Amino acid sequence: MFPTKKVQSLINQKIRVEMKGGQHILEGILDSSDEYMNMHLTNTIEIIAGDKSISLGSVILRGNNIIIINPIDNTDIKAKPV
């Protein structure tokens, strides 16, 4: 499977993206992606030193600045009791 096809298969799923420079790790829901692997993430959170730090909301990422894309297993997310 080509990388762009794999990224397209992750649309509407939560992913973690590491950007060039090693300082920026983002988690969010992949809303869309194009053939250059530019991405639009929603409900995005920046991760600093392993902790969820800043809520960024809607973010557009340029494909040539992306190093790693990891899908996040949604089964690890537990519902809070009401």
PDB file of N, CA and C in Angstrom:
ATOM      1  N   MET A   1       0.847  -1.172   0.000  1.00  0.00           N
ATOM      2  CA  MET A   1       0.000   0.000   0.000  1.00  0.00           C
ATOM      3  C   MET A   1       0.901   1.246   0.000  1.00  0.00           C
ATOM      4  N   PHE A   2       0.584   2.223  -0.856  1.00  0.00           N
ATOM      5  CA  PHE A   2       1.340   3.462  -0.919  1.00  0.00           C
ATOM      6  C   PHE A   2       1.064   4.307   0.325  1.00  0.00           C
ATOM      7  N   PRO A   3       2.047   5.096   0.764  1.00  0.00           N
ATOM      8  CA  PRO A   3       1.848   5.906   1.980  1.00  0.00           C
ATOM      9  C   PRO A   3       0.626   6.817   1.915  1.00  0.00           C
ATOM     10  N   THR A   4       0.368   7.436   0.771  1.00  0.00           N
ATOM     11  CA  THR A   4      -0.787   8.331   0.684  1.00  0.00           C
ATOM     12  C   THR A   4      -2.093   7.560   0.831  1.00  0.00           C
ATOM     13  N   LYS A   5      -2.156   6.345   0.304  1.00  0.00           N
ATOM     14  CA  LYS A   5      -3.355   5.515   0.455  1.00  0.00           C
ATOM     15  C   LYS A   5      -3.550   5.107   1.912  1.00  0.00           C
ATOM     16  N   LYS A   6      -2.453   4.794   2.594  1.00  0.00           N
ATOM     17  CA  LYS A   6      -2.543   4.415   4.004  1.00  0.00           C
ATOM     18  C   LYS A   6      -3.045   5.596   4.833  1.00  0.00           C
ATOM     19  N   VAL A   7      -2.529   6.794   4.562  1.00  0.00           N
ATOM     20  CA  VAL A   7      -2.978   7.985   5.287  1.00  0.00           C
ATOM     21  C   VAL A   7      -4.455   8.241   5.002  1.00  0.00           C
ATOM     22  N   GLN A   8      -4.884   8.082   3.754  1.00  0.00           N
ATOM     23  CA  GLN A   8      -6.296   8.261   3.396  1.00  0.00           C
ATOM     24  C   GLN A   8      -7.183   7.287   4.169  1.00  0.00           C
ATOM     25  N   SER A   9      -6.670   6.095   4.451  1.00  0.00           N
ATOM     26  CA  SER A   9      -7.465   5.102   5.191  1.00  0.00           C
ATOM     27  C   SER A   9      -7.626   5.477   6.670  1.00  0.00           C
ATOM     28  N   LEU A  10      -6.849   6.452   7.145  1.00  0.00           N
ATOM     29  CA  LEU A  10      -6.915   6.875   8.547  1.00  0.00           C
ATOM     30  C   LEU A  10      -7.857   8.058   8.777  1.00  0.00           C
ATOM     31  N   ILE A  11      -8.515   8.532   7.725  1.00  0.00           N
ATOM     32  CA  ILE A  11      -9.422   9.677   7.868  1.00  0.00           C
ATOM     33  C   ILE A  11     -10.526   9.322   8.867  1.00  0.00           C
ATOM     34  N   ASN A  12     -10.854  10.290   9.720  1.00  0.00           N
ATOM     35  CA  ASN A  12     -11.837  10.184  10.810  1.00  0.00           C
ATOM     36  C   ASN A  12     -11.334   9.341  11.976  1.00  0.00           C
ATOM     37  N   GLN A  13     -10.048   9.073  12.030  1.00  0.00           N
ATOM     38  CA  GLN A  13      -9.462   8.353  13.150  1.00  0.00           C
ATOM     39  C   GLN A  13      -8.490   9.269  13.889  1.00  0.00           C
ATOM     40  N   LYS A  14      -8.250   8.968  15.146  1.00  0.00           N
ATOM     41  CA  LYS A  14      -7.305   9.742  15.947  1.00  0.00           C
ATOM     42  C   LYS A  14      -5.888   9.292  15.612  1.00  0.00           C
ATOM     43  N   ILE A  15      -5.002  10.270  15.355  1.00  0.00           N
ATOM     44  CA  ILE A  15      -3.613   9.965  15.019  1.00  0.00           C
ATOM     45  C   ILE A  15      -2.675  10.838  15.841  1.00  0.00           C
ATOM     46  N   ARG A  16      -1.424  10.404  15.908  1.00  0.00           N
ATOM     47  CA  ARG A  16      -0.349  11.185  16.531  1.00  0.00           C
ATOM     48  C   ARG A  16       0.667  11.474  15.433  1.00  0.00           C
ATOM     49  N   VAL A  17       1.082  12.741  15.319  1.00  0.00           N
ATOM     50  CA  VAL A  17       1.998  13.175  14.268  1.00  0.00           C
ATOM     51  C   VAL A  17       3.215  13.829  14.907  1.00  0.00           C
ATOM     52  N   GLU A  18       4.411  13.379  14.491  1.00  0.00           N
ATOM     53  CA  GLU A  18       5.642  14.021  14.932  1.00  0.00           C
ATOM     54  C   GLU A  18       6.173  14.872  13.794  1.00  0.00           C
ATOM     55  N   MET A  19       6.483  16.129  14.109  1.00  0.00           N
ATOM     56  CA  MET A  19       6.940  17.085  13.107  1.00  0.00           C
ATOM     57  C   MET A  19       8.464  17.197  13.137  1.00  0.00           C
ATOM     58  N   LYS A  20       9.059  17.716  12.045  1.00  0.00           N
ATOM     59  CA  LYS A  20      10.501  17.946  11.994  1.00  0.00           C
ATOM     60  C   LYS A  20      10.928  18.828  13.153  1.00  0.00           C
ATOM     61  N   GLY A  21      12.143  18.629  13.592  1.00  0.00           N
ATOM     62  CA  GLY A  21      12.675  19.408  14.696  1.00  0.00           C
ATOM     63  C   GLY A  21      12.539  18.692  16.025  1.00  0.00           C
ATOM     64  N   GLY A  22      11.691  17.668  16.086  1.00  0.00           N
ATOM     65  CA  GLY A  22      11.538  16.867  17.283  1.00  0.00           C
ATOM     66  C   GLY A  22      10.847  17.562  18.443  1.00  0.00           C
ATOM     67  N   GLN A  23      10.427  18.800  18.261  1.00  0.00           N
ATOM     68  CA  GLN A  23       9.809  19.524  19.357  1.00  0.00           C
ATOM     69  C   GLN A  23       8.294  19.445  19.322  1.00  0.00           C
ATOM     70  N   HIS A  24       7.710  19.156  18.178  1.00  0.00           N
ATOM     71  CA  HIS A  24       6.261  19.212  18.039  1.00  0.00           C
ATOM     72  C   HIS A  24       5.678  17.827  17.796  1.00  0.00           C
ATOM     73  N   ILE A  25       4.866  17.384  18.744  1.00  0.00           N
ATOM     74  CA  ILE A  25       4.087  16.155  18.594  1.00  0.00           C
ATOM     75  C   ILE A  25       2.636  16.560  18.799  1.00  0.00           C
ATOM     76  N   LEU A  26       1.804  16.194  17.843  1.00  0.00           N
ATOM     77  CA  LEU A  26       0.397  16.581  17.868  1.00  0.00           C
ATOM     78  C   LEU A  26      -0.482  15.340  17.833  1.00  0.00           C
ATOM     79  N   GLU A  27      -1.611  15.393  18.541  1.00  0.00           N
ATOM     80  CA  GLU A  27      -2.637  14.348  18.479  1.00  0.00           C
ATOM     81  C   GLU A  27      -3.931  15.001  18.056  1.00  0.00           C
ATOM     82  N   GLY A  28      -4.625  14.363  17.122  1.00  0.00           N
ATOM     83  CA  GLY A  28      -5.906  14.883  16.696  1.00  0.00           C
ATOM     84  C   GLY A  28      -6.608  13.919  15.776  1.00  0.00           C
ATOM     85  N   ILE A  29      -7.785  14.303  15.334  1.00  0.00           N
ATOM     86  CA  ILE A  29      -8.578  13.487  14.419  1.00  0.00           C
ATOM     87  C   ILE A  29      -8.270  13.942  12.994  1.00  0.00           C
ATOM     88  N   LEU A  30      -7.847  12.999  12.170  1.00  0.00           N
ATOM     89  CA  LEU A  30      -7.515  13.312  10.781  1.00  0.00           C
ATOM     90  C   LEU A  30      -8.795  13.589  10.008  1.00  0.00           C
ATOM     91  N   ASP A  31      -8.943  14.832   9.565  1.00  0.00           N
ATOM     92  CA  ASP A  31     -10.138  15.244   8.827  1.00  0.00           C
ATOM     93  C   ASP A  31      -9.956  15.038   7.326  1.00  0.00           C
ATOM     94  N   SER A  32      -8.761  15.376   6.810  1.00  0.00           N
ATOM     95  CA  SER A  32      -8.495  15.183   5.389  1.00  0.00           C
ATOM     96  C   SER A  32      -7.000  15.172   5.126  1.00  0.00           C
ATOM     97  N   SER A  33      -6.631  14.673   3.940  1.00  0.00           N
ATOM     98  CA  SER A  33      -5.239  14.597   3.516  1.00  0.00           C
ATOM     99  C   SER A  33      -5.214  14.641   1.991  1.00  0.00           C
ATOM    100  N   ASP A  34      -4.118  15.152   1.429  1.00  0.00           N
ATOM    101  CA  ASP A  34      -4.014  15.194  -0.037  1.00  0.00           C
ATOM    102  C   ASP A  34      -2.815  14.373  -0.513  1.00  0.00           C
ATOM    103  N   GLU A  35      -2.528  14.434  -1.819  1.00  0.00           N
ATOM    104  CA  GLU A  35      -1.455  13.622  -2.402  1.00  0.00           C
ATOM    105  C   GLU A  35      -0.073  14.035  -1.927  1.00  0.00           C
ATOM    106  N   TYR A  36       0.086  15.223  -1.341  1.00  0.00           N
ATOM    107  CA  TYR A  36       1.362  15.684  -0.802  1.00  0.00           C
ATOM    108  C   TYR A  36       1.463  15.404   0.698  1.00  0.00           C
ATOM    109  N   MET A  37       0.468  14.717   1.242  1.00  0.00           N
ATOM    110  CA  MET A  37       0.347  14.368   2.653  1.00  0.00           C
ATOM    111  C   MET A  37       0.198  15.603   3.544  1.00  0.00           C
ATOM    112  N   ASN A  38      -0.293  16.698   2.965  1.00  0.00           N
ATOM    113  CA  ASN A  38      -0.749  17.813   3.788  1.00  0.00           C
ATOM    114  C   ASN A  38      -1.980  17.300   4.519  1.00  0.00           C
ATOM    115  N   MET A  39      -2.137  17.691   5.780  1.00  0.00           N
ATOM    116  CA  MET A  39      -3.226  17.139   6.584  1.00  0.00           C
ATOM    117  C   MET A  39      -3.985  18.220   7.326  1.00  0.00           C
ATOM    118  N   HIS A  40      -5.260  17.956   7.536  1.00  0.00           N
ATOM    119  CA  HIS A  40      -6.091  18.798   8.387  1.00  0.00           C
ATOM    120  C   HIS A  40      -6.507  17.948   9.574  1.00  0.00           C
ATOM    121  N   LEU A  41      -6.111  18.395  10.788  1.00  0.00           N
ATOM    122  CA  LEU A  41      -6.478  17.711  12.027  1.00  0.00           C
ATOM    123  C   LEU A  41      -7.471  18.564  12.796  1.00  0.00           C
ATOM    124  N   THR A  42      -8.438  17.921  13.430  1.00  0.00           N
ATOM    125  CA  THR A  42      -9.370  18.621  14.308  1.00  0.00           C
ATOM    126  C   THR A  42      -9.189  18.084  15.730  1.00  0.00           C
ATOM    127  N   ASN A  43      -9.694  18.832  16.711  1.00  0.00           N
ATOM    128  CA  ASN A  43      -9.546  18.467  18.128  1.00  0.00           C
ATOM    129  C   ASN A  43      -8.090  18.167  18.463  1.00  0.00           C
ATOM    130  N   THR A  44      -7.192  19.005  17.971  1.00  0.00           N
ATOM    131  CA  THR A  44      -5.753  18.773  18.082  1.00  0.00           C
ATOM    132  C   THR A  44      -5.214  19.230  19.430  1.00  0.00           C
ATOM    133  N   ILE A  45      -4.320  18.416  19.969  1.00  0.00           N
ATOM    134  CA  ILE A  45      -3.647  18.716  21.233  1.00  0.00           C
ATOM    135  C   ILE A  45      -2.147  18.587  20.996  1.00  0.00           C
ATOM    136  N   GLU A  46      -1.363  19.545  21.498  1.00  0.00           N
ATOM    137  CA  GLU A  46       0.090  19.455  21.421  1.00  0.00           C
ATOM    138  C   GLU A  46       0.606  18.695  22.636  1.00  0.00           C
ATOM    139  N   ILE A  47       1.546  17.782  22.398  1.00  0.00           N
ATOM    140  CA  ILE A  47       2.137  16.974  23.460  1.00  0.00           C
ATOM    141  C   ILE A  47       3.546  17.514  23.720  1.00  0.00           C
ATOM    142  N   ILE A  48       3.799  17.902  24.967  1.00  0.00           N
ATOM    143  CA  ILE A  48       5.122  18.391  25.348  1.00  0.00           C
ATOM    144  C   ILE A  48       5.621  17.541  26.512  1.00  0.00           C
ATOM    145  N   ALA A  49       6.812  16.968  26.337  1.00  0.00           N
ATOM    146  CA  ALA A  49       7.433  16.103  27.358  1.00  0.00           C
ATOM    147  C   ALA A  49       6.494  14.978  27.795  1.00  0.00           C
ATOM    148  N   GLY A  50       5.737  14.418  26.851  1.00  0.00           N
ATOM    149  CA  GLY A  50       4.865  13.291  27.134  1.00  0.00           C
ATOM    150  C   GLY A  50       3.528  13.635  27.740  1.00  0.00           C
ATOM    151  N   ASP A  51       3.294  14.912  28.043  1.00  0.00           N
ATOM    152  CA  ASP A  51       2.029  15.329  28.649  1.00  0.00           C
ATOM    153  C   ASP A  51       1.206  16.143  27.668  1.00  0.00           C
ATOM    154  N   LYS A  52      -0.116  15.941  27.696  1.00  0.00           N
ATOM    155  CA  LYS A  52      -1.001  16.743  26.870  1.00  0.00           C
ATOM    156  C   LYS A  52      -0.965  18.163  27.408  1.00  0.00           C
ATOM    157  N   SER A  53      -0.588  19.090  26.551  1.00  0.00           N
ATOM    158  CA  SER A  53      -0.279  20.422  27.031  1.00  0.00           C
ATOM    159  C   SER A  53      -1.255  21.493  26.565  1.00  0.00           C
ATOM    160  N   ILE A  54      -1.326  21.705  25.265  1.00  0.00           N
ATOM    161  CA  ILE A  54      -2.076  22.829  24.720  1.00  0.00           C
ATOM    162  C   ILE A  54      -3.127  22.316  23.738  1.00  0.00           C
ATOM    163  N   SER A  55      -4.356  22.785  23.883  1.00  0.00           N
ATOM    164  CA  SER A  55      -5.414  22.458  22.933  1.00  0.00           C
ATOM    165  C   SER A  55      -5.336  23.452  21.779  1.00  0.00           C
ATOM    166  N   LEU A  56      -5.154  22.937  20.552  1.00  0.00           N
ATOM    167  CA  LEU A  56      -4.985  23.789  19.384  1.00  0.00           C
ATOM    168  C   LEU A  56      -6.219  23.854  18.495  1.00  0.00           C
ATOM    169  N   GLY A  57      -7.143  22.917  18.653  1.00  0.00           N
ATOM    170  CA  GLY A  57      -8.340  22.902  17.819  1.00  0.00           C
ATOM    171  C   GLY A  57      -8.046  22.388  16.425  1.00  0.00           C
ATOM    172  N   SER A  58      -8.369  23.201  15.409  1.00  0.00           N
ATOM    173  CA  SER A  58      -8.182  22.829  14.006  1.00  0.00           C
ATOM    174  C   SER A  58      -6.791  23.247  13.541  1.00  0.00           C
ATOM    175  N   VAL A  59      -6.039  22.295  12.944  1.00  0.00           N
ATOM    176  CA  VAL A  59      -4.660  22.546  12.526  1.00  0.00           C
ATOM    177  C   VAL A  59      -4.445  21.991  11.123  1.00  0.00           C
ATOM    178  N   ILE A  60      -3.710  22.741  10.304  1.00  0.00           N
ATOM    179  CA  ILE A  60      -3.309  22.259   8.983  1.00  0.00           C
ATOM    180  C   ILE A  60      -1.803  22.025   9.014  1.00  0.00           C
ATOM    181  N   LEU A  61      -1.379  20.815   8.620  1.00  0.00           N
ATOM    182  CA  LEU A  61       0.029  20.442   8.633  1.00  0.00           C
ATOM    183  C   LEU A  61       0.545  20.298   7.214  1.00  0.00           C
ATOM    184  N   ARG A  62       1.715  20.839   6.960  1.00  0.00           N
ATOM    185  CA  ARG A  62       2.344  20.705   5.647  1.00  0.00           C
ATOM    186  C   ARG A  62       3.065  19.359   5.590  1.00  0.00           C
ATOM    187  N   GLY A  63       2.801  18.612   4.544  1.00  0.00           N
ATOM    188  CA  GLY A  63       3.295  17.242   4.435  1.00  0.00           C
ATOM    189  C   GLY A  63       4.796  17.089   4.522  1.00  0.00           C
ATOM    190  N   ASN A  64       5.570  18.057   3.982  1.00  0.00           N
ATOM    191  CA  ASN A  64       7.029  17.887   3.995  1.00  0.00           C
ATOM    192  C   ASN A  64       7.643  18.164   5.371  1.00  0.00           C
ATOM    193  N   ASN A  65       6.842  18.563   6.360  1.00  0.00           N
ATOM    194  CA  ASN A  65       7.336  18.762   7.716  1.00  0.00           C
ATOM    195  C   ASN A  65       6.982  17.611   8.649  1.00  0.00           C
ATOM    196  N   ILE A  66       6.321  16.587   8.118  1.00  0.00           N
ATOM    197  CA  ILE A  66       5.878  15.454   8.931  1.00  0.00           C
ATOM    198  C   ILE A  66       6.924  14.346   8.878  1.00  0.00           C
ATOM    199  N   ILE A  67       7.267  13.818  10.067  1.00  0.00           N
ATOM    200  CA  ILE A  67       8.225  12.716  10.141  1.00  0.00           C
ATOM    201  C   ILE A  67       7.512  11.385  10.341  1.00  0.00           C
ATOM    202  N   ILE A  68       6.616  11.324  11.336  1.00  0.00           N
ATOM    203  CA  ILE A  68       5.952  10.067  11.702  1.00  0.00           C
ATOM    204  C   ILE A  68       4.457  10.302  11.879  1.00  0.00           C
ATOM    205  N   ILE A  69       3.665   9.357  11.386  1.00  0.00           N
ATOM    206  CA  ILE A  69       2.220   9.359  11.605  1.00  0.00           C
ATOM    207  C   ILE A  69       1.868   8.032  12.258  1.00  0.00           C
ATOM    208  N   ASN A  70       1.258   8.094  13.445  1.00  0.00           N
ATOM    209  CA  ASN A  70       0.855   6.883  14.165  1.00  0.00           C
ATOM    210  C   ASN A  70      -0.636   6.909  14.431  1.00  0.00           C
ATOM    211  N   PRO A  71      -1.368   5.869  14.006  1.00  0.00           N
ATOM    212  CA  PRO A  71      -2.778   5.788  14.419  1.00  0.00           C
ATOM    213  C   PRO A  71      -2.833   5.468  15.907  1.00  0.00           C
ATOM    214  N   ILE A  72      -3.817   6.036  16.588  1.00  0.00           N
ATOM    215  CA  ILE A  72      -4.001   5.778  18.011  1.00  0.00           C
ATOM    216  C   ILE A  72      -5.157   4.807  18.161  1.00  0.00           C
ATOM    217  N   ASP A  73      -4.914   3.741  18.906  1.00  0.00           N
ATOM    218  CA  ASP A  73      -5.927   2.720  19.124  1.00  0.00           C
ATOM    219  C   ASP A  73      -7.017   3.275  20.030  1.00  0.00           C
ATOM    220  N   ASN A  74      -8.215   3.442  19.489  1.00  0.00           N
ATOM    221  CA  ASN A  74      -9.325   4.020  20.247  1.00  0.00           C
ATOM    222  C   ASN A  74      -9.856   3.089  21.329  1.00  0.00           C
ATOM    223  N   THR A  75      -9.435   1.819  21.325  1.00  0.00           N
ATOM    224  CA  THR A  75      -9.900   0.903  22.366  1.00  0.00           C
ATOM    225  C   THR A  75      -9.223   1.204  23.701  1.00  0.00           C
ATOM    226  N   ASP A  76      -8.098   1.967  23.664  1.00  0.00           N
ATOM    227  CA  ASP A  76      -7.413   2.341  24.903  1.00  0.00           C
ATOM    228  C   ASP A  76      -8.144   3.463  25.618  1.00  0.00           C
ATOM    229  N   ILE A  77      -9.042   4.167  24.930  1.00  0.00           N
ATOM    230  CA  ILE A  77      -9.769   5.268  25.522  1.00  0.00           C
ATOM    231  C   ILE A  77     -10.948   4.689  26.295  1.00  0.00           C
ATOM    232  N   LYS A  78     -10.992   4.946  27.584  1.00  0.00           N
ATOM    233  CA  LYS A  78     -12.051   4.399  28.427  1.00  0.00           C
ATOM    234  C   LYS A  78     -13.075   5.472  28.708  1.00  0.00           C
ATOM    235  N   ALA A  79     -14.325   5.086  28.668  1.00  0.00           N
ATOM    236  CA  ALA A  79     -15.413   6.038  28.964  1.00  0.00           C
ATOM    237  C   ALA A  79     -15.429   6.326  30.449  1.00  0.00           C
ATOM    238  N   LYS A  80     -15.647   7.596  30.783  1.00  0.00           N
ATOM    239  CA  LYS A  80     -15.745   7.985  32.180  1.00  0.00           C
ATOM    240  C   LYS A  80     -17.140   7.666  32.686  1.00  0.00           C
ATOM    241  N   PRO A  81     -17.244   7.098  33.893  1.00  0.00           N
ATOM    242  CA  PRO A  81     -18.563   6.802  34.435  1.00  0.00           C
ATOM    243  C   PRO A  81     -19.325   8.097  34.717  1.00  0.00           C
ATOM    244  N   VAL A  82     -20.631   8.042  34.544  1.00  0.00           N
ATOM    245  CA  VAL A  82     -21.472   9.234  34.759  1.00  0.00           C
ATOM    246  C   VAL A  82     -21.977   9.281  36.173  1.00  0.00           C
TER     247      VAL A  82
END
